Amino acid sequence: MSRALAAVVGVPLGAAVAAAALLSVWLEPRGVAASASCAVGVVVPPAVATVWLARRSAAAAPAARVAAVVLGMVVRLVVGLGGGLLAYAGLKRLMPVPPLLYWLWLLGIYLLTLLVETAALARMTKPSQAVKT
């Protein structure tokens, strides 16, 4: 696994675990853990797919790289926000989770993952990091 993929998975996961551990002291622990895990599960996989796609297209023509970035953005929005809505609908049937708590988790993990993903993609300017197809 490349460093970029490890960062895209590890940073949001680590931040979610640390923040959930802190918030569980003041808020209901099951709701915090459920919201954090849903947010990570919905947001991180599209980011991994985007970084993987960008690595695969790094050696391609510029139009292919732009298409990969646009496709990654669409996948991130559809899966991240649409999947977040579906996950919340299923989660609130299982346990009472405050809507604000859930959506703040989703937003926080989304923005953190986007930041890490952007940094990882910005570092992929060297042709040596491109995967030859």
Protein backbone atom coordinates (compact mmCIF):
# COMPACT_ATOMS: atom_id res chain seq x y z
CA MET A 1 0.00 0.00 0.00
CA SER A 2 1.36 3.41 -0.86
CA ARG A 3 1.89 6.17 1.67
CA ALA A 4 -0.90 8.21 0.09
CA LEU A 5 -3.45 5.42 0.55
CA ALA A 6 -2.21 4.75 4.08
CA ALA A 7 -2.61 8.42 4.96
CA VAL A 8 -6.09 8.63 3.42
CA VAL A 9 -7.19 5.66 5.54
CA GLY A 10 -5.13 6.20 8.68
CA VAL A 11 -5.54 9.90 9.40
CA PRO A 12 -9.37 10.03 9.37
CA LEU A 13 -9.60 6.71 11.20
CA GLY A 14 -7.16 7.80 13.88
CA ALA A 15 -8.83 11.18 14.27
CA ALA A 16 -12.26 9.56 14.55
CA VAL A 17 -11.08 7.11 17.22
CA ALA A 18 -9.38 9.86 19.23
CA ALA A 19 -12.31 12.27 18.98
CA ALA A 20 -14.86 9.54 19.74
CA ALA A 21 -12.92 8.53 22.84
CA LEU A 22 -12.97 12.12 24.07
CA LEU A 23 -16.60 12.81 23.19
CA SER A 24 -17.77 9.56 24.78
CA VAL A 25 -16.96 11.07 28.18
CA TRP A 26 -19.64 13.75 27.77
CA LEU A 27 -22.08 12.25 25.29
CA GLU A 28 -23.79 8.87 25.01
CA PRO A 29 -20.96 6.50 23.96
CA ARG A 30 -23.00 4.26 21.65
CA GLY A 31 -24.31 7.22 19.66
CA VAL A 32 -20.84 8.72 19.36
CA ALA A 33 -19.28 5.42 18.27
CA ALA A 34 -22.06 4.68 15.80
CA SER A 35 -21.91 8.15 14.26
CA ALA A 36 -18.11 8.08 14.00
CA SER A 37 -17.98 4.62 12.46
CA CYS A 38 -20.72 5.42 9.94
CA ALA A 39 -18.94 8.64 8.95
CA VAL A 40 -15.62 6.86 8.43
CA GLY A 41 -17.26 3.96 6.62
CA VAL A 42 -19.10 6.23 4.22
CA VAL A 43 -16.42 8.85 3.54
CA VAL A 44 -13.09 6.98 3.47
CA PRO A 45 -13.77 4.36 0.73
CA PRO A 46 -14.51 6.98 -1.99
CA ALA A 47 -11.33 8.82 -0.99
CA VAL A 48 -9.33 5.62 -1.32
CA ALA A 49 -10.89 5.02 -4.73
CA THR A 50 -10.06 8.58 -5.81
CA VAL A 51 -6.40 8.30 -4.78
CA TRP A 52 -6.12 4.89 -6.43
CA LEU A 53 -7.68 6.23 -9.64
CA ALA A 54 -5.40 9.27 -9.60
CA ARG A 55 -2.34 7.04 -9.16
CA ARG A 56 -3.44 4.89 -12.08
CA SER A 57 -4.01 7.91 -14.33
CA ALA A 58 -0.90 9.87 -13.31
CA ALA A 59 1.09 8.55 -16.29
CA ALA A 60 -1.79 9.11 -18.72
CA ALA A 61 -2.65 12.11 -20.85
CA PRO A 62 -3.71 15.32 -19.10
CA ALA A 63 -7.32 14.83 -20.19
CA ALA A 64 -7.39 11.44 -18.49
CA ARG A 65 -6.03 12.96 -15.28
CA VAL A 66 -8.72 15.66 -15.31
CA ALA A 67 -11.37 13.01 -15.95
CA ALA A 68 -10.04 10.98 -13.00
CA VAL A 69 -10.24 13.98 -10.67
CA VAL A 70 -13.77 14.86 -11.82
CA LEU A 71 -14.90 11.25 -11.49
CA GLY A 72 -13.37 11.09 -8.03
CA MET A 73 -15.24 14.25 -7.01
CA VAL A 74 -18.55 12.86 -8.25
CA VAL A 75 -18.00 9.51 -6.52
CA ARG A 76 -17.01 11.28 -3.29
CA LEU A 77 -20.13 13.44 -3.31
CA VAL A 78 -22.58 10.71 -4.29
CA VAL A 79 -21.23 8.02 -1.97
CA GLY A 80 -20.23 10.36 0.84
CA LEU A 81 -23.40 12.38 1.10
CA GLY A 82 -25.91 9.95 -0.40
CA GLY A 83 -24.46 7.07 1.54
CA GLY A 84 -24.42 9.25 4.64
CA LEU A 85 -28.12 9.91 4.27
CA LEU A 86 -28.88 6.21 3.84
CA ALA A 87 -26.63 5.27 6.75
CA TYR A 88 -28.36 7.81 8.98
CA ALA A 89 -31.79 6.50 8.00
CA GLY A 90 -30.70 2.99 8.96
CA LEU A 91 -28.86 4.08 12.08
CA LYS A 92 -31.71 6.05 13.60
CA ARG A 93 -33.88 2.91 13.39
CA LEU A 94 -31.35 1.02 15.51
CA MET A 95 -30.64 3.61 18.19
CA PRO A 96 -31.44 7.20 19.01
CA VAL A 97 -28.67 9.30 17.51
CA PRO A 98 -28.96 13.10 17.61
CA PRO A 99 -29.06 14.34 14.01
CA LEU A 100 -26.65 17.19 14.68
CA LEU A 101 -24.09 14.80 16.17
CA TYR A 102 -24.26 12.49 13.16
CA TRP A 103 -24.06 15.22 10.53
CA LEU A 104 -21.21 16.99 12.34
CA TRP A 105 -19.29 13.70 12.38
CA LEU A 106 -19.94 13.23 8.67
CA LEU A 107 -18.90 16.79 7.87
CA GLY A 108 -15.78 16.62 10.02
CA ILE A 109 -14.58 13.31 8.63
CA TYR A 110 -15.46 14.43 5.09
CA LEU A 111 -13.43 17.64 5.38
CA LEU A 112 -10.48 15.92 7.07
CA THR A 113 -10.43 13.20 4.43
CA LEU A 114 -10.67 15.78 1.67
CA LEU A 115 -7.71 17.66 3.16
CA VAL A 116 -5.57 14.51 3.43
CA GLU A 117 -6.61 13.36 -0.03
CA THR A 118 -5.77 16.73 -1.57
CA ALA A 119 -2.35 16.71 0.09
CA ALA A 120 -1.73 13.17 -1.15
CA LEU A 121 -2.76 14.06 -4.70
CA ALA A 122 -0.63 17.21 -4.66
CA ARG A 123 2.43 15.11 -3.83
CA MET A 124 1.81 12.88 -6.85
CA THR A 125 3.51 15.23 -9.25
CA LYS A 126 6.53 13.00 -9.87
CA PRO A 127 6.15 10.48 -12.69
CA SER A 128 7.90 7.91 -10.47
CA GLN A 129 4.78 7.68 -8.28
CA ALA A 130 2.55 6.84 -11.21
CA VAL A 131 1.57 3.22 -11.63
CA LYS A 132 2.40 2.00 -15.12
CA THR A 133 -0.57 0.40 -16.85
